[in-house]
Amino acid sequence: MNHPDFKQRVLTSEDLSLIAGGVPAHDDFPGVRPWNRDKLWAAVLRAFLDARTKAEREAAQQALGAIQTLDSIDLLFVRHDK
């Protein structure tokens, strides 16, 4: 699924790892450095399920939103050499 405006993928997995590591919402979760999408999703979903306070739920929700943004960056801009 390629969008016509994004013909050239210019980032690498290492770039995405660097970007993910700079997201404050992910500071407390494993799987960010190096970028490991599955490990990060699992950690954030576990935190969301285990959240007991409004602040914990909000922090987990911010982390979920950040992962969704990183997934979009991965889809649109990261080269996946085959």
PDB file of N, CA and C in Angstrom:
ATOM      1  N   MET A   1       0.847  -1.170   0.000  1.00  0.00           N
ATOM      2  CA  MET A   1       0.000   0.000   0.000  1.00  0.00           C
ATOM      3  C   MET A   1       0.890   1.230   0.000  1.00  0.00           C
ATOM      4  N   ASN A   2       1.122   1.800  -1.141  1.00  0.00           N
ATOM      5  CA  ASN A   2       1.970   2.978  -1.265  1.00  0.00           C
ATOM      6  C   ASN A   2       1.142   4.202  -1.573  1.00  0.00           C
ATOM      7  N   HIS A   3       1.411   5.241  -0.856  1.00  0.00           N
ATOM      8  CA  HIS A   3       0.769   6.519  -1.127  1.00  0.00           C
ATOM      9  C   HIS A   3       1.594   7.207  -2.201  1.00  0.00           C
ATOM     10  N   PRO A   4       0.965   7.787  -3.206  1.00  0.00           N
ATOM     11  CA  PRO A   4       1.714   8.361  -4.329  1.00  0.00           C
ATOM     12  C   PRO A   4       2.669   9.481  -3.934  1.00  0.00           C
ATOM     13  N   ASP A   5       2.428  10.144  -2.820  1.00  0.00           N
ATOM     14  CA  ASP A   5       3.301  11.239  -2.400  1.00  0.00           C
ATOM     15  C   ASP A   5       4.543  10.758  -1.650  1.00  0.00           C
ATOM     16  N   PHE A   6       4.607   9.483  -1.321  1.00  0.00           N
ATOM     17  CA  PHE A   6       5.710   8.954  -0.527  1.00  0.00           C
ATOM     18  C   PHE A   6       6.400   7.835  -1.281  1.00  0.00           C
ATOM     19  N   LYS A   7       7.031   8.170  -2.385  1.00  0.00           N
ATOM     20  CA  LYS A   7       7.646   7.174  -3.245  1.00  0.00           C
ATOM     21  C   LYS A   7       8.975   6.666  -2.697  1.00  0.00           C
ATOM     22  N   GLN A   8       9.715   7.516  -2.016  1.00  0.00           N
ATOM     23  CA  GLN A   8      11.030   7.115  -1.543  1.00  0.00           C
ATOM     24  C   GLN A   8      11.024   6.977  -0.028  1.00  0.00           C
ATOM     25  N   ARG A   9      11.395   5.833   0.449  1.00  0.00           N
ATOM     26  CA  ARG A   9      11.515   5.587   1.891  1.00  0.00           C
ATOM     27  C   ARG A   9      12.917   6.026   2.306  1.00  0.00           C
ATOM     28  N   VAL A  10      13.007   6.944   3.224  1.00  0.00           N
ATOM     29  CA  VAL A  10      14.311   7.532   3.517  1.00  0.00           C
ATOM     30  C   VAL A  10      14.848   7.216   4.905  1.00  0.00           C
ATOM     31  N   LEU A  11      14.076   6.588   5.761  1.00  0.00           N
ATOM     32  CA  LEU A  11      14.542   6.259   7.095  1.00  0.00           C
ATOM     33  C   LEU A  11      14.912   4.780   7.185  1.00  0.00           C
ATOM     34  N   THR A  12      15.738   4.459   8.169  1.00  0.00           N
ATOM     35  CA  THR A  12      16.100   3.072   8.439  1.00  0.00           C
ATOM     36  C   THR A  12      15.465   2.646   9.759  1.00  0.00           C
ATOM     37  N   SER A  13      15.555   1.379  10.069  1.00  0.00           N
ATOM     38  CA  SER A  13      15.062   0.891  11.357  1.00  0.00           C
ATOM     39  C   SER A  13      15.805   1.554  12.510  1.00  0.00           C
ATOM     40  N   GLU A  14      17.090   1.828  12.311  1.00  0.00           N
ATOM     41  CA  GLU A  14      17.867   2.515  13.345  1.00  0.00           C
ATOM     42  C   GLU A  14      17.350   3.928  13.566  1.00  0.00           C
ATOM     43  N   ASP A  15      16.952   4.595  12.482  1.00  0.00           N
ATOM     44  CA  ASP A  15      16.362   5.928  12.604  1.00  0.00           C
ATOM     45  C   ASP A  15      15.076   5.870  13.414  1.00  0.00           C
ATOM     46  N   LEU A  16      14.237   4.876  13.122  1.00  0.00           N
ATOM     47  CA  LEU A  16      12.980   4.738  13.846  1.00  0.00           C
ATOM     48  C   LEU A  16      13.241   4.454  15.323  1.00  0.00           C
ATOM     49  N   SER A  17      14.259   3.674  15.618  1.00  0.00           N
ATOM     50  CA  SER A  17      14.633   3.394  16.994  1.00  0.00           C
ATOM     51  C   SER A  17      15.035   4.685  17.709  1.00  0.00           C
ATOM     52  N   LEU A  18      15.787   5.529  17.032  1.00  0.00           N
ATOM     53  CA  LEU A  18      16.198   6.812  17.599  1.00  0.00           C
ATOM     54  C   LEU A  18      14.981   7.696  17.859  1.00  0.00           C
ATOM     55  N   ILE A  19      14.052   7.741  16.915  1.00  0.00           N
ATOM     56  CA  ILE A  19      12.830   8.530  17.078  1.00  0.00           C
ATOM     57  C   ILE A  19      12.012   7.988  18.256  1.00  0.00           C
ATOM     58  N   ALA A  20      11.826   6.682  18.308  1.00  0.00           N
ATOM     59  CA  ALA A  20      11.049   6.066  19.390  1.00  0.00           C
ATOM     60  C   ALA A  20      11.693   6.345  20.745  1.00  0.00           C
ATOM     61  N   GLY A  21      13.018   6.338  20.795  1.00  0.00           N
ATOM     62  CA  GLY A  21      13.728   6.605  22.042  1.00  0.00           C
ATOM     63  C   GLY A  21      13.579   8.028  22.524  1.00  0.00           C
ATOM     64  N   GLY A  22      13.204   8.932  21.632  1.00  0.00           N
ATOM     65  CA  GLY A  22      13.026  10.331  22.003  1.00  0.00           C
ATOM     66  C   GLY A  22      11.610  10.686  22.408  1.00  0.00           C
ATOM     67  N   VAL A  23      10.708   9.714  22.406  1.00  0.00           N
ATOM     68  CA  VAL A  23       9.312   9.964  22.769  1.00  0.00           C
ATOM     69  C   VAL A  23       9.166   9.840  24.286  1.00  0.00           C
ATOM     70  N   PRO A  24       8.903  10.953  24.977  1.00  0.00           N
ATOM     71  CA  PRO A  24       8.801  10.893  26.437  1.00  0.00           C
ATOM     72  C   PRO A  24       7.738   9.914  26.942  1.00  0.00           C
ATOM     73  N   ALA A  25       6.683   9.701  26.195  1.00  0.00           N
ATOM     74  CA  ALA A  25       5.623   8.790  26.628  1.00  0.00           C
ATOM     75  C   ALA A  25       6.101   7.347  26.726  1.00  0.00           C
ATOM     76  N   HIS A  26       7.250   7.037  26.120  1.00  0.00           N
ATOM     77  CA  HIS A  26       7.769   5.673  26.138  1.00  0.00           C
ATOM     78  C   HIS A  26       8.917   5.463  27.115  1.00  0.00           C
ATOM     79  N   ASP A  27       9.240   6.463  27.897  1.00  0.00           N
ATOM     80  CA  ASP A  27      10.402   6.378  28.779  1.00  0.00           C
ATOM     81  C   ASP A  27      10.389   5.171  29.718  1.00  0.00           C
ATOM     82  N   ASP A  28       9.221   4.745  30.142  1.00  0.00           N
ATOM     83  CA  ASP A  28       9.141   3.664  31.129  1.00  0.00           C
ATOM     84  C   ASP A  28       8.865   2.290  30.527  1.00  0.00           C
ATOM     85  N   PHE A  29       8.982   2.173  29.201  1.00  0.00           N
ATOM     86  CA  PHE A  29       8.605   0.916  28.558  1.00  0.00           C
ATOM     87  C   PHE A  29       9.778   0.274  27.829  1.00  0.00           C
ATOM     88  N   PRO A  30       9.918  -1.067  27.973  1.00  0.00           N
ATOM     89  CA  PRO A  30      10.934  -1.767  27.187  1.00  0.00           C
ATOM     90  C   PRO A  30      10.489  -1.874  25.736  1.00  0.00           C
ATOM     91  N   GLY A  31      11.428  -2.068  24.851  1.00  0.00           N
ATOM     92  CA  GLY A  31      11.102  -2.248  23.448  1.00  0.00           C
ATOM     93  C   GLY A  31      11.336  -1.014  22.604  1.00  0.00           C
ATOM     94  N   VAL A  32      11.786   0.058  23.250  1.00  0.00           N
ATOM     95  CA  VAL A  32      12.018   1.305  22.521  1.00  0.00           C
ATOM     96  C   VAL A  32      13.427   1.356  21.964  1.00  0.00           C
ATOM     97  N   ARG A  33      14.394   0.950  22.742  1.00  0.00           N
ATOM     98  CA  ARG A  33      15.801   1.028  22.352  1.00  0.00           C
ATOM     99  C   ARG A  33      16.405  -0.359  22.381  1.00  0.00           C
ATOM    100  N   PRO A  34      16.656  -1.034  21.321  1.00  0.00           N
ATOM    101  CA  PRO A  34      16.291  -0.660  19.943  1.00  0.00           C
ATOM    102  C   PRO A  34      14.803  -0.876  19.719  1.00  0.00           C
ATOM    103  N   TRP A  35      14.296  -0.253  18.662  1.00  0.00           N
ATOM    104  CA  TRP A  35      12.881  -0.319  18.324  1.00  0.00           C
ATOM    105  C   TRP A  35      12.444  -1.768  18.133  1.00  0.00           C
ATOM    106  N   ASN A  36      11.495  -2.178  18.933  1.00  0.00           N
ATOM    107  CA  ASN A  36      10.889  -3.504  18.796  1.00  0.00           C
ATOM    108  C   ASN A  36       9.388  -3.307  18.962  1.00  0.00           C
ATOM    109  N   ARG A  37       8.711  -3.187  17.848  1.00  0.00           N
ATOM    110  CA  ARG A  37       7.283  -2.853  17.841  1.00  0.00           C
ATOM    111  C   ARG A  37       6.465  -3.793  18.715  1.00  0.00           C
ATOM    112  N   ASP A  38       6.652  -5.087  18.568  1.00  0.00           N
ATOM    113  CA  ASP A  38       5.852  -6.060  19.316  1.00  0.00           C
ATOM    114  C   ASP A  38       6.098  -5.976  20.817  1.00  0.00           C
ATOM    115  N   LYS A  39       7.356  -5.843  21.198  1.00  0.00           N
ATOM    116  CA  LYS A  39       7.699  -5.756  22.617  1.00  0.00           C
ATOM    117  C   LYS A  39       7.137  -4.472  23.233  1.00  0.00           C
ATOM    118  N   LEU A  40       7.222  -3.372  22.497  1.00  0.00           N
ATOM    119  CA  LEU A  40       6.696  -2.109  22.995  1.00  0.00           C
ATOM    120  C   LEU A  40       5.172  -2.166  23.115  1.00  0.00           C
ATOM    121  N   TRP A  41       4.490  -2.676  22.086  1.00  0.00           N
ATOM    122  CA  TRP A  41       3.029  -2.823  22.148  1.00  0.00           C
ATOM    123  C   TRP A  41       2.635  -3.657  23.371  1.00  0.00           C
ATOM    124  N   ALA A  42       3.307  -4.777  23.585  1.00  0.00           N
ATOM    125  CA  ALA A  42       2.977  -5.653  24.713  1.00  0.00           C
ATOM    126  C   ALA A  42       3.154  -4.925  26.045  1.00  0.00           C
ATOM    127  N   ALA A  43       4.246  -4.193  26.188  1.00  0.00           N
ATOM    128  CA  ALA A  43       4.511  -3.482  27.443  1.00  0.00           C
ATOM    129  C   ALA A  43       3.475  -2.381  27.694  1.00  0.00           C
ATOM    130  N   VAL A  44       3.138  -1.651  26.665  1.00  0.00           N
ATOM    131  CA  VAL A  44       2.180  -0.553  26.827  1.00  0.00           C
ATOM    132  C   VAL A  44       0.770  -1.100  27.082  1.00  0.00           C
ATOM    133  N   LEU A  45       0.379  -2.140  26.367  1.00  0.00           N
ATOM    134  CA  LEU A  45      -0.939  -2.721  26.618  1.00  0.00           C
ATOM    135  C   LEU A  45      -1.032  -3.308  28.016  1.00  0.00           C
ATOM    136  N   ARG A  46       0.049  -3.924  28.486  1.00  0.00           N
ATOM    137  CA  ARG A  46       0.075  -4.453  29.854  1.00  0.00           C
ATOM    138  C   ARG A  46      -0.078  -3.309  30.859  1.00  0.00           C
ATOM    139  N   ALA A  47       0.622  -2.206  30.633  1.00  0.00           N
ATOM    140  CA  ALA A  47       0.508  -1.044  31.527  1.00  0.00           C
ATOM    141  C   ALA A  47      -0.914  -0.488  31.513  1.00  0.00           C
ATOM    142  N   PHE A  48      -1.531  -0.468  30.341  1.00  0.00           N
ATOM    143  CA  PHE A  48      -2.898   0.025  30.235  1.00  0.00           C
ATOM    144  C   PHE A  48      -3.854  -0.875  31.018  1.00  0.00           C
ATOM    145  N   LEU A  49      -3.680  -2.180  30.885  1.00  0.00           N
ATOM    146  CA  LEU A  49      -4.544  -3.122  31.598  1.00  0.00           C
ATOM    147  C   LEU A  49      -4.316  -3.081  33.107  1.00  0.00           C
ATOM    148  N   ASP A  50      -3.072  -2.826  33.528  1.00  0.00           N
ATOM    149  CA  ASP A  50      -2.731  -2.802  34.942  1.00  0.00           C
ATOM    150  C   ASP A  50      -2.965  -1.446  35.605  1.00  0.00           C
ATOM    151  N   ALA A  51      -3.286  -0.423  34.822  1.00  0.00           N
ATOM    152  CA  ALA A  51      -3.448   0.932  35.355  1.00  0.00           C
ATOM    153  C   ALA A  51      -4.558   0.971  36.402  1.00  0.00           C
ATOM    154  N   ARG A  52      -4.266   1.602  37.511  1.00  0.00           N
ATOM    155  CA  ARG A  52      -5.243   1.698  38.605  1.00  0.00           C
ATOM    156  C   ARG A  52      -5.729   3.138  38.812  1.00  0.00           C
ATOM    157  N   THR A  53      -4.956   4.097  38.369  1.00  0.00           N
ATOM    158  CA  THR A  53      -5.323   5.497  38.577  1.00  0.00           C
ATOM    159  C   THR A  53      -5.572   6.184  37.235  1.00  0.00           C
ATOM    160  N   LYS A  54      -6.221   7.317  37.308  1.00  0.00           N
ATOM    161  CA  LYS A  54      -6.465   8.094  36.093  1.00  0.00           C
ATOM    162  C   LYS A  54      -5.141   8.493  35.442  1.00  0.00           C
ATOM    163  N   ALA A  55      -4.170   8.892  36.236  1.00  0.00           N
ATOM    164  CA  ALA A  55      -2.862   9.299  35.705  1.00  0.00           C
ATOM    165  C   ALA A  55      -2.173   8.137  34.987  1.00  0.00           C
ATOM    166  N   GLU A  56      -2.250   6.934  35.552  1.00  0.00           N
ATOM    167  CA  GLU A  56      -1.654   5.750  34.914  1.00  0.00           C
ATOM    168  C   GLU A  56      -2.353   5.437  33.593  1.00  0.00           C
ATOM    169  N   ARG A  57      -3.678   5.548  33.576  1.00  0.00           N
ATOM    170  CA  ARG A  57      -4.427   5.304  32.338  1.00  0.00           C
ATOM    171  C   ARG A  57      -4.086   6.345  31.276  1.00  0.00           C
ATOM    172  N   GLU A  58      -3.961   7.609  31.684  1.00  0.00           N
ATOM    173  CA  GLU A  58      -3.610   8.667  30.735  1.00  0.00           C
ATOM    174  C   GLU A  58      -2.208   8.463  30.172  1.00  0.00           C
ATOM    175  N   ALA A  59      -1.262   8.055  31.023  1.00  0.00           N
ATOM    176  CA  ALA A  59       0.111   7.805  30.563  1.00  0.00           C
ATOM    177  C   ALA A  59       0.137   6.648  29.558  1.00  0.00           C
ATOM    178  N   ALA A  60      -0.607   5.594  29.851  1.00  0.00           N
ATOM    179  CA  ALA A  60      -0.665   4.462  28.929  1.00  0.00           C
ATOM    180  C   ALA A  60      -1.338   4.868  27.622  1.00  0.00           C
ATOM    181  N   GLN A  61      -2.360   5.690  27.694  1.00  0.00           N
ATOM    182  CA  GLN A  61      -3.045   6.148  26.484  1.00  0.00           C
ATOM    183  C   GLN A  61      -2.115   7.007  25.618  1.00  0.00           C
ATOM    184  N   GLN A  62      -1.311   7.854  26.250  1.00  0.00           N
ATOM    185  CA  GLN A  62      -0.331   8.649  25.497  1.00  0.00           C
ATOM    186  C   GLN A  62       0.682   7.745  24.816  1.00  0.00           C
ATOM    187  N   ALA A  63       1.127   6.715  25.511  1.00  0.00           N
ATOM    188  CA  ALA A  63       2.087   5.773  24.927  1.00  0.00           C
ATOM    189  C   ALA A  63       1.457   5.025  23.753  1.00  0.00           C
ATOM    190  N   LEU A  64       0.185   4.648  23.871  1.00  0.00           N
ATOM    191  CA  LEU A  64      -0.507   3.983  22.764  1.00  0.00           C
ATOM    192  C   LEU A  64      -0.585   4.900  21.547  1.00  0.00           C
ATOM    193  N   GLY A  65      -0.922   6.155  21.771  1.00  0.00           N
ATOM    194  CA  GLY A  65      -0.985   7.118  20.669  1.00  0.00           C
ATOM    195  C   GLY A  65       0.362   7.313  20.008  1.00  0.00           C
ATOM    196  N   ALA A  66       1.417   7.335  20.808  1.00  0.00           N
ATOM    197  CA  ALA A  66       2.760   7.495  20.251  1.00  0.00           C
ATOM    198  C   ALA A  66       3.151   6.282  19.407  1.00  0.00           C
ATOM    199  N   ILE A  67       2.772   5.086  19.839  1.00  0.00           N
ATOM    200  CA  ILE A  67       3.059   3.881  19.054  1.00  0.00           C
ATOM    201  C   ILE A  67       2.333   3.947  17.715  1.00  0.00           C
ATOM    202  N   GLN A  68       1.104   4.383  17.727  1.00  0.00           N
ATOM    203  CA  GLN A  68       0.353   4.490  16.481  1.00  0.00           C
ATOM    204  C   GLN A  68       1.033   5.464  15.522  1.00  0.00           C
ATOM    205  N   THR A  69       1.556   6.548  16.057  1.00  0.00           N
ATOM    206  CA  THR A  69       2.289   7.509  15.225  1.00  0.00           C
ATOM    207  C   THR A  69       3.565   6.873  14.677  1.00  0.00           C
ATOM    208  N   LEU A  70       4.285   6.145  15.510  1.00  0.00           N
ATOM    209  CA  LEU A  70       5.500   5.467  15.050  1.00  0.00           C
ATOM    210  C   LEU A  70       5.184   4.418  13.993  1.00  0.00           C
ATOM    211  N   ASP A  71       4.066   3.725  14.146  1.00  0.00           N
ATOM    212  CA  ASP A  71       3.650   2.760  13.127  1.00  0.00           C
ATOM    213  C   ASP A  71       3.419   3.455  11.784  1.00  0.00           C
ATOM    214  N   SER A  72       2.829   4.632  11.822  1.00  0.00           N
ATOM    215  CA  SER A  72       2.607   5.390  10.583  1.00  0.00           C
ATOM    216  C   SER A  72       3.921   5.816   9.958  1.00  0.00           C
ATOM    217  N   ILE A  73       4.852   6.271  10.787  1.00  0.00           N
ATOM    218  CA  ILE A  73       6.178   6.654  10.276  1.00  0.00           C
ATOM    219  C   ILE A  73       6.852   5.443   9.643  1.00  0.00           C
ATOM    220  N   ASP A  74       6.761   4.310  10.324  1.00  0.00           N
ATOM    221  CA  ASP A  74       7.349   3.074   9.799  1.00  0.00           C
ATOM    222  C   ASP A  74       6.739   2.717   8.445  1.00  0.00           C
ATOM    223  N   LEU A  75       5.443   2.780   8.346  1.00  0.00           N
ATOM    224  CA  LEU A  75       4.753   2.424   7.106  1.00  0.00           C
ATOM    225  C   LEU A  75       5.115   3.349   5.958  1.00  0.00           C
ATOM    226  N   LEU A  76       5.196   4.632   6.242  1.00  0.00           N
ATOM    227  CA  LEU A  76       5.366   5.615   5.170  1.00  0.00           C
ATOM    228  C   LEU A  76       6.817   5.954   4.826  1.00  0.00           C
ATOM    229  N   PHE A  77       7.724   5.885   5.796  1.00  0.00           N
ATOM    230  CA  PHE A  77       9.053   6.444   5.581  1.00  0.00           C
ATOM    231  C   PHE A  77      10.235   5.497   5.776  1.00  0.00           C
ATOM    232  N   VAL A  78      10.029   4.332   6.379  1.00  0.00           N
ATOM    233  CA  VAL A  78      11.169   3.457   6.676  1.00  0.00           C
ATOM    234  C   VAL A  78      11.397   2.477   5.534  1.00  0.00           C
ATOM    235  N   ARG A  79      12.662   2.388   5.110  1.00  0.00           N
ATOM    236  CA  ARG A  79      13.066   1.398   4.105  1.00  0.00           C
ATOM    237  C   ARG A  79      13.106   0.037   4.779  1.00  0.00           C
ATOM    238  N   HIS A  80      12.498  -0.922   4.158  1.00  0.00           N
ATOM    239  CA  HIS A  80      12.590  -2.305   4.631  1.00  0.00           C
ATOM    240  C   HIS A  80      13.227  -3.105   3.504  1.00  0.00           C
ATOM    241  N   ASP A  81      14.554  -3.134   3.522  1.00  0.00           N
ATOM    242  CA  ASP A  81      15.292  -3.844   2.490  1.00  0.00           C
ATOM    243  C   ASP A  81      14.993  -5.331   2.606  1.00  0.00           C
ATOM    244  N   LYS A  82      14.704  -5.912   1.459  1.00  0.00           N
ATOM    245  CA  LYS A  82      14.343  -7.335   1.462  1.00  0.00           C
ATOM    246  C   LYS A  82      15.413  -8.171   0.853  1.00  0.00           C
TER     247      LYS A  82
END
